[in-house]
């Protein structure tokens, strides 16, 4: 596979930021897929998003003021409502009639659920969201919020972050920690099935090295199910007796060379909250190891090498590229998405 297939998926929902990062009356400036985006939460708690550039002189709207209802540019006081509509141009005199809608800025569809804010990133031909639903964590109320969130920037294009995080064979060499690593390689056999816009690894018992932390909870042998869906969303649900721990990992492109990875945890347990400082250390260590190897990978990718993927350990990576291309084609051809993944058993040593 030649490393020349880099493109951002459009007309799809991306993870924007955790809900608790934007309070009523606040605005947050982000860059997503290379576009400046301003997210605001109005007085009533509703989140909206628009392009973070004033169409008058190009000043970021985030440099201005937000009164909980409208954004005011700091340069000339132009004002915009939550839908990006221009409402006031103070320099106009009374008899200067002008259609203010000519100066609207682009707005983005936004949805919020379970403590997460999602944004629909369109192209010019399809500004409205498709029928695709935003990801939700099964078994948790829509008003639920993650008990733990960790965010890390990876210095790479989104594809390499996604493929690196789903890679089942890298753990013994990248994640060298007593609570994870097992010195002895052993064969893994997992059943995979197609699922909406992605694939799912069927529920299975965790190996001793992977389930070491979960065994501290007690209540039986931990079992887990892992699903992936476009554009870069991974949900790992682990059950331990009557308890559940769900990890939502999202991969959002910032630019061609930077990607944001957010790991959010939901659980039915009462005591893990006391160990949040330790959880941050563990998450920083674990994701930091992935980040470090991706940094090293960028050295070789500068030369645009042929990447030689193998069966079966690289099958998830191959599926990702197939899913991505099929989604882009289905949008371009204005037809339904056809999942290219076929259910099968994969085997690898890890």
Protein backbone atom coordinates (compact mmCIF):
# COMPACT_ATOMS: atom_id res chain seq x y z
CA UNK A 1 0.00 0.00 0.00
CA UNK A 2 1.51 3.31 -1.10
CA UNK A 3 1.37 6.10 1.45
CA UNK A 4 -0.43 8.51 -0.93
CA UNK A 5 -4.06 7.98 0.02
CA UNK A 6 -4.30 10.67 2.71
CA UNK A 7 -7.64 12.45 2.72
CA UNK A 8 -10.10 13.55 5.37
CA UNK A 9 -13.52 11.94 5.34
CA UNK A 10 -16.23 14.57 4.94
CA UNK A 11 -19.98 14.48 5.52
CA UNK A 12 -19.56 12.55 8.76
CA UNK A 13 -19.68 13.18 12.51
CA UNK A 14 -16.44 13.86 14.37
CA UNK A 15 -15.79 14.16 18.08
CA UNK A 16 -15.39 17.85 18.93
CA UNK A 17 -14.74 18.04 22.68
CA UNK A 18 -16.05 16.90 26.10
CA UNK A 19 -19.20 18.74 27.18
CA UNK A 20 -17.66 19.99 30.41
CA UNK A 21 -15.08 22.02 28.51
CA UNK A 22 -17.66 24.60 27.44
CA UNK A 23 -19.98 26.19 30.03
CA UNK A 24 -23.04 28.41 29.30
CA UNK A 25 -21.86 31.76 27.98
CA UNK A 26 -18.50 30.35 26.87
CA UNK A 27 -16.93 29.98 23.45
CA UNK A 28 -14.13 27.59 22.48
CA UNK A 29 -12.00 27.90 19.36
CA UNK A 30 -10.85 24.70 17.64
CA UNK A 31 -9.19 23.69 14.40
CA UNK A 32 -10.85 20.59 12.92
CA UNK A 33 -9.86 19.04 9.58
CA UNK A 34 -7.81 22.18 8.97
CA UNK A 35 -10.82 24.49 9.46
CA UNK A 36 -11.13 27.12 12.22
CA UNK A 37 -14.30 26.37 14.18
CA UNK A 38 -15.90 28.35 17.00
CA UNK A 39 -18.10 26.43 19.42
CA UNK A 40 -20.43 28.39 21.71
CA UNK A 41 -22.89 27.43 24.43
CA UNK A 42 -25.74 29.91 24.87
CA UNK A 43 -27.46 30.92 28.10
CA UNK A 44 -29.93 28.05 27.75
CA UNK A 45 -27.13 25.50 27.44
CA UNK A 46 -27.42 24.78 23.71
CA UNK A 47 -24.15 24.26 21.83
CA UNK A 48 -23.65 25.68 18.32
CA UNK A 49 -20.70 25.98 15.96
CA UNK A 50 -19.64 28.33 13.18
CA UNK A 51 -16.54 29.27 11.21
CA UNK A 52 -14.13 31.15 13.46
CA UNK A 53 -13.40 33.93 10.96
CA UNK A 54 -15.19 37.25 10.56
CA UNK A 55 -16.05 37.71 6.85
CA UNK A 56 -15.24 41.42 7.07
CA UNK A 57 -11.48 41.54 7.69
CA UNK A 58 -10.65 37.94 8.61
CA UNK A 59 -10.20 38.40 12.37
CA UNK A 60 -11.06 35.25 14.38
CA UNK A 61 -14.46 35.68 16.01
CA UNK A 62 -13.02 33.95 19.08
CA UNK A 63 -10.95 37.10 19.65
CA UNK A 64 -14.19 38.99 20.27
CA UNK A 65 -16.96 38.76 22.85
CA UNK A 66 -19.89 36.42 23.42
CA UNK A 67 -22.83 37.63 25.52
CA UNK A 68 -24.52 34.24 25.72
CA UNK A 69 -26.58 34.96 22.64
CA UNK A 70 -24.44 36.59 19.94
CA UNK A 71 -20.75 36.75 19.05
CA UNK A 72 -19.27 40.20 18.46
CA UNK A 73 -16.12 40.71 16.38
CA UNK A 74 -13.42 42.64 18.22
CA UNK A 75 -12.42 44.67 15.12
CA UNK A 76 -15.61 46.45 13.98
CA UNK A 77 -18.33 45.01 16.20
CA UNK A 78 -20.07 42.89 13.59
CA UNK A 79 -22.41 40.49 15.39
CA UNK A 80 -23.43 36.93 14.57
CA UNK A 81 -26.12 34.70 16.08
CA UNK A 82 -25.68 31.04 17.01
CA UNK A 83 -26.52 29.97 13.46
CA UNK A 84 -23.76 32.11 11.98
CA UNK A 85 -26.20 34.73 10.74
CA UNK A 86 -24.93 38.31 10.60
CA UNK A 87 -27.32 40.45 12.70
CA UNK A 88 -25.56 43.81 13.13
CA UNK A 89 -23.01 45.93 11.23
CA UNK A 90 -22.57 48.98 13.50
CA UNK A 91 -20.84 51.17 10.87
CA UNK A 92 -23.91 51.24 8.60
CA UNK A 93 -25.91 54.47 8.82
CA UNK A 94 -29.70 54.49 8.98
CA UNK A 95 -30.41 54.90 5.25
CA UNK A 96 -27.86 52.34 4.08
CA UNK A 97 -30.02 49.30 3.42
CA UNK A 98 -28.06 46.09 3.06
CA UNK A 99 -28.89 42.40 3.03
CA UNK A 100 -26.96 41.20 6.09
CA UNK A 101 -27.40 37.56 5.07
CA UNK A 102 -24.67 38.17 2.47
CA UNK A 103 -22.22 38.21 5.38
CA UNK A 104 -23.30 35.06 7.21
CA UNK A 105 -20.56 32.67 8.30
CA UNK A 106 -20.80 28.92 7.84
CA UNK A 107 -22.54 27.06 10.63
CA UNK A 108 -22.00 23.40 11.54
CA UNK A 109 -24.50 20.86 12.79
CA UNK A 110 -23.73 19.90 16.40
CA UNK A 111 -25.17 17.20 18.63
CA UNK A 112 -24.52 16.57 22.30
CA UNK A 113 -25.10 13.37 24.26
CA UNK A 114 -23.55 11.51 27.19
CA UNK A 115 -21.12 14.31 27.96
CA UNK A 116 -19.74 14.47 24.42
CA UNK A 117 -20.09 17.09 21.68
CA UNK A 118 -20.07 15.88 18.08
CA UNK A 119 -19.76 18.05 14.98
CA UNK A 120 -20.72 17.27 11.39
CA UNK A 121 -17.97 18.29 8.97
CA UNK A 122 -19.50 18.70 5.49
CA UNK A 123 -18.12 19.38 2.08
CA UNK A 124 -19.59 22.04 -0.17
CA UNK A 125 -22.04 19.69 -1.88
CA UNK A 126 -23.69 18.13 1.15
CA UNK A 127 -24.11 20.58 4.04
CA UNK A 128 -26.85 18.64 5.83
CA UNK A 129 -26.09 15.62 8.06
CA UNK A 130 -26.99 12.16 6.73
CA UNK A 131 -29.10 9.60 8.52
CA UNK A 132 -26.05 8.33 10.40
CA UNK A 133 -26.51 8.65 14.17
CA UNK A 134 -23.84 9.91 16.52
CA UNK A 135 -22.15 7.21 18.63
CA UNK A 136 -23.76 6.44 21.98
CA UNK A 137 -22.56 4.27 24.84
CA UNK A 138 -25.03 1.39 25.28
CA UNK A 139 -26.57 0.99 28.69
CA UNK A 140 -25.87 4.56 29.84
CA UNK A 141 -28.43 7.35 29.96
CA UNK A 142 -28.19 10.17 27.41
CA UNK A 143 -27.51 12.56 30.30
CA UNK A 144 -24.61 10.44 31.55
CA UNK A 145 -21.11 11.88 31.41
CA UNK A 146 -17.79 10.08 31.36
CA UNK A 147 -16.20 9.71 34.78
CA UNK A 148 -12.74 10.09 33.30
CA UNK A 149 -11.42 11.81 30.14
CA UNK A 150 -7.89 12.01 28.81
CA UNK A 151 -6.84 13.94 25.68
CA UNK A 152 -3.56 13.65 23.80
CA UNK A 153 -2.26 15.11 20.52
CA UNK A 154 -0.49 12.78 18.09
CA UNK A 155 1.94 14.33 15.53
CA UNK A 156 0.56 12.45 12.54
CA UNK A 157 -2.17 12.20 9.94
CA UNK A 158 -5.40 10.65 11.27
CA UNK A 159 -4.93 7.34 9.43
CA UNK A 160 -1.74 6.50 11.30
CA UNK A 161 -3.31 7.30 14.67
CA UNK A 162 -6.36 5.14 13.91
CA UNK A 163 -4.36 2.20 12.57
CA UNK A 164 -1.83 2.41 15.39
CA UNK A 165 -4.50 2.33 18.09
CA UNK A 166 -6.30 -0.69 16.58
CA UNK A 167 -3.09 -2.64 15.86
CA UNK A 168 -3.29 -5.92 17.84
CA UNK A 169 0.37 -6.95 17.47
CA UNK A 170 2.28 -3.93 18.75
CA UNK A 171 1.56 -4.24 22.48
CA UNK A 172 4.52 -6.46 23.50
CA UNK A 173 6.94 -4.03 21.91
CA UNK A 174 5.36 -0.62 22.54
CA UNK A 175 3.53 -1.04 25.86
CA UNK A 176 6.23 -2.17 28.25
CA UNK A 177 4.63 -1.97 31.69
CA UNK A 178 4.15 -4.57 34.43
CA UNK A 179 0.40 -4.07 34.44
CA UNK A 180 0.11 -4.79 30.72
CA UNK A 181 3.01 -6.60 29.13
CA UNK A 182 3.38 -10.35 28.98
CA UNK A 183 6.89 -11.48 27.98
CA UNK A 184 5.62 -14.58 26.19
CA UNK A 185 3.84 -14.34 22.84
CA UNK A 186 0.73 -16.42 22.44
CA UNK A 187 -1.79 -17.00 19.68
CA UNK A 188 -4.95 -14.87 19.60
CA UNK A 189 -8.06 -16.13 17.81
CA UNK A 190 -10.94 -13.65 17.49
CA UNK A 191 -14.22 -13.60 15.59
CA UNK A 192 -15.03 -10.34 13.79
CA UNK A 193 -18.34 -9.23 12.32
CA UNK A 194 -19.45 -6.30 10.22
CA UNK A 195 -21.27 -3.58 12.18
CA UNK A 196 -22.62 -0.13 11.21
CA UNK A 197 -19.86 1.77 9.36
CA UNK A 198 -17.25 -0.56 10.80
CA UNK A 199 -16.65 -3.90 12.48
CA UNK A 200 -16.86 -5.60 15.88
CA UNK A 201 -14.65 -8.07 17.69
CA UNK A 202 -17.04 -10.47 19.42
CA UNK A 203 -17.18 -10.65 23.20
CA UNK A 204 -14.34 -12.73 24.60
CA UNK A 205 -12.49 -13.33 27.86
CA UNK A 206 -9.53 -11.08 28.47
CA UNK A 207 -6.09 -12.70 28.66
CA UNK A 208 -4.22 -12.51 31.94
CA UNK A 209 -2.03 -9.60 30.87
CA UNK A 210 -4.82 -7.50 29.40
CA UNK A 211 -7.22 -8.12 32.27
CA UNK A 212 -4.79 -7.64 35.14
CA UNK A 213 -6.23 -4.31 36.27
CA UNK A 214 -9.83 -5.46 35.85
CA UNK A 215 -9.21 -8.49 38.05
CA UNK A 216 -8.71 -6.10 40.96
CA UNK A 217 -12.42 -5.32 40.76
CA UNK A 218 -13.42 -8.89 41.43
CA UNK A 219 -16.70 -10.49 40.44
CA UNK A 220 -15.43 -12.91 37.84
CA UNK A 221 -13.31 -13.14 34.72
CA UNK A 222 -13.51 -9.94 32.65
CA UNK A 223 -15.01 -10.21 29.18
CA UNK A 224 -14.77 -7.55 26.51
CA UNK A 225 -16.28 -6.56 23.16
CA UNK A 226 -14.57 -4.03 20.89
CA UNK A 227 -16.21 -2.17 18.04
CA UNK A 228 -14.83 0.31 15.53
CA UNK A 229 -16.69 2.70 13.24
CA UNK A 230 -15.82 5.55 10.93
CA UNK A 231 -14.29 8.07 11.02
CA UNK A 232 -12.18 6.93 14.02
CA UNK A 233 -14.36 5.76 16.89
CA UNK A 234 -13.54 2.76 19.08
CA UNK A 235 -15.78 1.46 21.87
CA UNK A 236 -14.45 -1.19 24.23
CA UNK A 237 -17.03 -2.59 26.66
CA UNK A 238 -15.75 -4.79 29.49
CA UNK A 239 -18.01 -6.63 31.91
CA UNK A 240 -16.82 -7.95 35.27
CA UNK A 241 -19.67 -9.76 36.96
CA UNK A 242 -22.45 -7.19 37.33
CA UNK A 243 -20.18 -4.24 36.62
CA UNK A 244 -19.36 -2.57 33.29
CA UNK A 245 -16.47 -0.39 32.15
CA UNK A 246 -16.76 1.24 28.73
CA UNK A 247 -13.94 3.08 26.99
CA UNK A 248 -14.86 5.46 24.16
CA UNK A 249 -11.77 6.39 22.14
CA UNK A 250 -12.19 9.00 19.41
CA UNK A 251 -9.66 10.16 16.83
CA UNK A 252 -10.21 13.64 15.38
CA UNK A 253 -7.96 15.23 12.74
CA UNK A 254 -6.69 18.71 13.52
CA UNK A 255 -4.56 19.07 10.41
CA UNK A 256 -2.55 16.93 7.99
CA UNK A 257 0.15 16.57 10.63
CA UNK A 258 -1.73 16.57 13.95
CA UNK A 259 -4.50 14.40 15.36
CA UNK A 260 -6.32 14.51 18.70
CA UNK A 261 -7.04 11.27 20.56
CA UNK A 262 -9.66 11.42 23.33
CA UNK A 263 -10.20 8.52 25.70
CA UNK A 264 -13.37 8.69 27.81
CA UNK A 265 -14.38 6.09 30.40
CA UNK A 266 -17.83 5.22 31.73
CA UNK A 267 -18.30 2.75 34.57
CA UNK A 268 -20.92 1.43 36.95
CA UNK A 269 -18.46 1.18 39.84
CA UNK A 270 -18.38 3.67 42.71
CA UNK A 271 -14.73 3.57 43.86
CA UNK A 272 -12.55 4.22 40.74
CA UNK A 273 -13.18 7.96 41.03
CA UNK A 274 -10.89 8.05 44.04
CA UNK A 275 -8.02 6.92 41.80
CA UNK A 276 -8.41 9.51 39.01
CA UNK A 277 -4.91 10.93 39.56
CA UNK A 278 -3.50 7.43 39.10
CA UNK A 279 -5.72 6.87 36.07
CA UNK A 280 -4.31 10.01 34.46
CA UNK A 281 -0.78 8.69 35.02
CA UNK A 282 -1.68 5.31 33.51
CA UNK A 283 -3.45 6.89 30.53
CA UNK A 284 -0.58 9.33 29.95
CA UNK A 285 1.88 6.42 30.05
CA UNK A 286 -0.13 4.07 27.85
CA UNK A 287 -1.16 6.58 25.17
CA UNK A 288 2.23 8.27 25.45
CA UNK A 289 3.88 5.04 24.35
CA UNK A 290 1.63 4.97 21.27
CA UNK A 291 2.42 8.62 20.62
CA UNK A 292 6.18 8.04 20.88
CA UNK A 293 6.19 5.23 18.32
CA UNK A 294 4.03 7.33 15.96
CA UNK A 295 6.62 10.12 16.24
CA UNK A 296 9.28 7.66 15.15
CA UNK A 297 7.04 6.44 12.33
CA UNK A 298 6.91 9.96 10.87
CA UNK A 299 10.66 9.81 10.20
CA UNK A 300 10.19 6.97 7.74
CA UNK A 301 6.90 8.21 6.28
CA UNK A 302 8.63 11.36 5.02
CA UNK A 303 10.00 9.18 2.21
CA UNK A 304 6.52 7.95 1.20
CA UNK A 305 7.37 4.23 1.45
CA UNK A 306 5.23 1.32 0.37
CA UNK A 307 3.51 0.00 3.54
CA UNK A 308 3.26 -3.76 3.36
CA UNK A 309 0.32 -4.96 5.43
CA UNK A 310 -0.02 -8.65 6.24
CA UNK A 311 -2.75 -11.07 7.22
CA UNK A 312 -4.26 -11.48 9.80
CA UNK A 313 -2.78 -9.01 12.27
CA UNK A 314 -3.14 -6.10 9.83
CA UNK A 315 -6.63 -7.03 8.68
CA UNK A 316 -8.28 -4.36 10.85
CA UNK A 317 -6.03 -1.74 9.26
CA UNK A 318 -6.98 -2.99 5.79
CA UNK A 319 -10.66 -2.85 6.75
CA UNK A 320 -10.23 0.74 7.92
CA UNK A 321 -8.85 1.83 4.56
CA UNK A 322 -11.57 -0.11 2.72
CA UNK A 323 -14.29 1.44 4.89
CA UNK A 324 -12.89 4.91 4.38
CA UNK A 325 -12.70 4.59 0.60
CA UNK A 326 -16.18 3.08 0.38
CA UNK A 327 -17.71 5.84 2.49
CA UNK A 328 -16.08 8.52 0.33
CA UNK A 329 -17.31 6.79 -2.85
CA UNK A 330 -20.85 6.40 -1.51
CA UNK A 331 -21.01 10.13 -0.77
CA UNK A 332 -19.53 11.06 -4.15
CA UNK A 333 -21.91 8.73 -6.01
CA UNK A 334 -24.90 9.71 -3.81
CA UNK A 335 -25.74 6.14 -2.90
CA UNK A 336 -26.04 4.03 0.22
CA UNK A 337 -22.89 2.93 2.01
CA UNK A 338 -22.09 -0.77 1.52
CA UNK A 339 -19.95 -2.22 4.28
CA UNK A 340 -16.96 -4.01 2.70
CA UNK A 341 -16.18 -5.97 5.89
CA UNK A 342 -17.11 -9.66 5.90
CA UNK A 343 -17.32 -11.64 9.12
CA UNK A 344 -14.35 -13.90 9.71
CA UNK A 345 -11.95 -15.34 12.28
CA UNK A 346 -8.57 -13.66 12.55
CA UNK A 347 -5.45 -15.17 14.12
CA UNK A 348 -2.22 -13.52 15.23
CA UNK A 349 0.50 -13.80 17.86
CA UNK A 350 0.79 -11.11 20.53
